[in-house]
Amino acid sequence: MPFRWTAFVLGLLLPGLGHFSVGERGRGGRILSGFLVLWFTGLVIGGLGSVRSWDPVYTNPAQGGKRNLWFIAQAGAGPIAFGFAALDAAVIRGSGPEDRIEITLHDQSTGSAYRHTAIGHNADFGTLFCALAGLMNFAVALDAGRRPVADRRGRDR
């Protein structure tokens, strides 16, 4: 069976849309629901900074603090991830020096962070949830590309 590129691309554009396009509407709806729960739970836990394509000032690359690498997994969510990353860059990164607060970093040195963003475990878990949502969407978009167009429930089961 040939790979259905249209269903794959539609699935990347909007979670569940690829399955919807091949006639599996129930599965597409469940995929969209699962994606939204994961994605918005991540945003509730970690705030808008959970989807970030740039490194904030408080990260320490020597300690594994490259937060923007998580955006590679989050990009599997398609335009949704890029939209939230642009919103984060406009709101958080575009803020001035008066919107920074002093924090103590994990090596006990002092630094600054943006006032309206999560740091620590909240940021980590929010980022992880959004990354899992992006990876899930990429996997189900691949599944949509391998699905036959006809509904499989009518066959011998």
Protein backbone atom coordinates (compact mmCIF):
# COMPACT_ATOMS: atom_id res chain seq x y z
CA MET A 1 0.00 0.00 0.00
CA PRO A 2 1.47 3.40 -0.93
CA PHE A 3 2.12 6.06 1.70
CA ARG A 4 -0.60 8.74 1.73
CA TRP A 5 1.32 12.01 1.90
CA THR A 6 -1.81 14.14 1.95
CA ALA A 7 -3.09 12.46 5.12
CA PHE A 8 0.38 12.76 6.70
CA VAL A 9 0.66 16.49 5.97
CA LEU A 10 -2.92 17.14 7.13
CA GLY A 11 -2.12 15.27 10.34
CA LEU A 12 0.89 17.50 10.92
CA LEU A 13 -1.12 20.66 10.29
CA LEU A 14 -3.82 19.76 12.80
CA PRO A 15 -3.70 16.72 15.07
CA GLY A 16 -6.31 14.17 13.99
CA LEU A 17 -7.01 15.79 10.63
CA GLY A 18 -5.07 13.11 8.76
CA HIS A 19 -7.25 10.34 10.20
CA PHE A 20 -10.35 12.42 9.57
CA SER A 21 -9.34 12.74 5.90
CA VAL A 22 -9.10 8.96 5.44
CA GLY A 23 -12.54 8.39 6.95
CA GLU A 24 -11.63 7.57 10.54
CA ARG A 25 -13.48 10.45 12.17
CA GLY A 26 -13.80 8.93 15.62
CA ARG A 27 -10.10 8.17 15.80
CA GLY A 28 -9.28 11.66 14.53
CA GLY A 29 -11.45 13.21 17.24
CA ARG A 30 -9.81 11.12 19.96
CA ILE A 31 -6.36 12.06 18.65
CA LEU A 32 -7.25 15.75 18.70
CA SER A 33 -8.67 15.44 22.22
CA GLY A 34 -5.58 13.63 23.51
CA PHE A 35 -3.27 16.15 21.89
CA LEU A 36 -5.16 19.12 23.33
CA VAL A 37 -5.14 17.63 26.83
CA LEU A 38 -1.36 17.06 26.70
CA TRP A 39 -0.58 20.41 25.07
CA PHE A 40 -2.71 22.63 27.28
CA THR A 41 -1.79 20.72 30.45
CA GLY A 42 1.82 21.57 29.61
CA LEU A 43 0.89 25.21 29.16
CA VAL A 44 -1.05 25.27 32.44
CA ILE A 45 1.86 23.71 34.34
CA GLY A 46 4.72 25.65 32.77
CA GLY A 47 3.09 28.71 31.27
CA LEU A 48 3.74 30.19 27.88
CA GLY A 49 7.48 29.55 28.25
CA SER A 50 6.87 25.80 27.91
CA VAL A 51 7.03 26.25 24.13
CA ARG A 52 10.23 28.16 23.57
CA SER A 53 12.48 28.19 20.52
CA TRP A 54 15.16 30.32 22.18
CA ASP A 55 17.35 29.92 25.28
CA PRO A 56 16.37 32.12 28.23
CA VAL A 57 19.08 34.01 30.11
CA TYR A 58 18.94 31.71 33.15
CA THR A 59 19.92 28.52 31.31
CA ASN A 60 23.38 27.12 31.79
CA PRO A 61 24.51 25.08 28.74
CA ALA A 62 27.34 23.49 30.77
CA GLN A 63 24.69 21.95 33.06
CA GLY A 64 22.50 20.71 30.18
CA GLY A 65 20.34 23.80 30.09
CA LYS A 66 19.63 24.03 26.35
CA ARG A 67 15.87 24.59 26.57
CA ASN A 68 15.46 25.35 22.87
CA LEU A 69 16.38 21.75 21.94
CA TRP A 70 13.01 20.66 23.32
CA PHE A 71 11.39 22.70 20.56
CA ILE A 72 12.51 20.08 18.03
CA ALA A 73 10.10 17.58 19.61
CA GLN A 74 7.43 20.24 20.10
CA ALA A 75 7.63 21.16 16.40
CA GLY A 76 5.84 17.87 15.68
CA ALA A 77 2.69 19.73 16.69
CA GLY A 78 3.02 21.74 13.47
CA PRO A 79 1.79 25.33 13.20
CA ILE A 80 0.43 25.20 16.75
CA ALA A 81 3.97 24.93 18.17
CA PHE A 82 5.35 27.67 15.96
CA GLY A 83 2.46 29.96 16.86
CA PHE A 84 2.96 29.49 20.59
CA ALA A 85 6.74 29.91 20.23
CA ALA A 86 6.20 33.20 18.38
CA LEU A 87 3.74 34.33 21.06
CA ASP A 88 6.28 33.46 23.77
CA ALA A 89 9.01 35.36 21.95
CA ALA A 90 6.79 38.41 21.53
CA VAL A 91 5.47 38.51 25.09
CA ILE A 92 8.34 37.19 27.21
CA ARG A 93 11.48 37.86 25.20
CA GLY A 94 10.21 41.25 24.10
CA SER A 95 9.87 42.42 27.70
CA GLY A 96 12.25 45.00 29.10
CA PRO A 97 14.80 44.87 31.93
CA GLU A 98 12.15 46.02 34.40
CA ASP A 99 10.37 42.68 33.85
CA ARG A 100 13.28 40.62 35.22
CA ILE A 101 13.66 39.30 38.74
CA GLU A 102 16.72 38.09 40.62
CA ILE A 103 16.95 34.32 41.09
CA THR A 104 19.43 31.86 42.58
CA LEU A 105 20.64 29.33 40.02
CA HIS A 106 21.36 25.66 40.72
CA ASP A 107 25.08 26.39 41.20
CA GLN A 108 24.16 28.95 43.91
CA SER A 109 25.12 31.92 41.73
CA THR A 110 22.63 34.70 41.17
CA GLY A 111 21.02 35.53 37.89
CA SER A 112 17.85 36.97 36.48
CA ALA A 113 14.74 35.50 34.91
CA TYR A 114 11.70 36.92 33.20
CA ARG A 115 8.98 37.75 35.70
CA HIS A 116 6.16 36.22 33.66
CA THR A 117 7.66 32.80 32.99
CA ALA A 118 8.00 29.60 34.97
CA ILE A 119 11.39 28.33 36.10
CA GLY A 120 12.51 25.12 37.75
CA HIS A 121 10.34 22.02 37.80
CA ASN A 122 7.23 23.79 36.53
CA ALA A 123 9.04 24.86 33.38
CA ASP A 124 10.55 21.39 32.96
CA PHE A 125 7.26 19.52 33.25
CA GLY A 126 5.41 21.99 31.04
CA THR A 127 8.10 21.67 28.39
CA LEU A 128 8.01 17.87 28.65
CA PHE A 129 4.22 17.68 28.24
CA CYS A 130 4.31 19.90 25.14
CA ALA A 131 7.20 17.86 23.70
CA LEU A 132 5.27 14.63 24.25
CA ALA A 133 2.26 16.15 22.50
CA GLY A 134 4.45 17.06 19.52
CA LEU A 135 5.99 13.59 19.34
CA MET A 136 2.57 11.98 19.66
CA ASN A 137 1.25 14.10 16.81
CA PHE A 138 4.16 13.15 14.55
CA ALA A 139 3.59 9.45 15.29
CA VAL A 140 -0.14 9.59 14.57
CA ALA A 141 0.47 11.62 11.40
CA LEU A 142 2.71 8.78 10.22
CA ASP A 143 -0.09 6.36 11.12
CA ALA A 144 -2.54 8.42 9.07
CA GLY A 145 -0.24 8.10 6.08
CA ARG A 146 -0.38 4.30 6.33
CA ARG A 147 -4.17 4.02 6.81
CA PRO A 148 -6.37 2.80 3.98
CA VAL A 149 -8.99 5.27 2.79
CA ALA A 150 -11.92 2.95 3.48
CA ASP A 151 -13.16 2.41 7.01
CA ARG A 152 -11.58 -0.78 8.38
CA ARG A 153 -14.42 -1.64 10.76
CA GLY A 154 -16.52 -3.21 8.01
CA ARG A 155 -13.95 -5.91 7.33
CA ASP A 156 -13.69 -9.28 9.06
CA ARG A 157 -12.87 -8.50 12.68
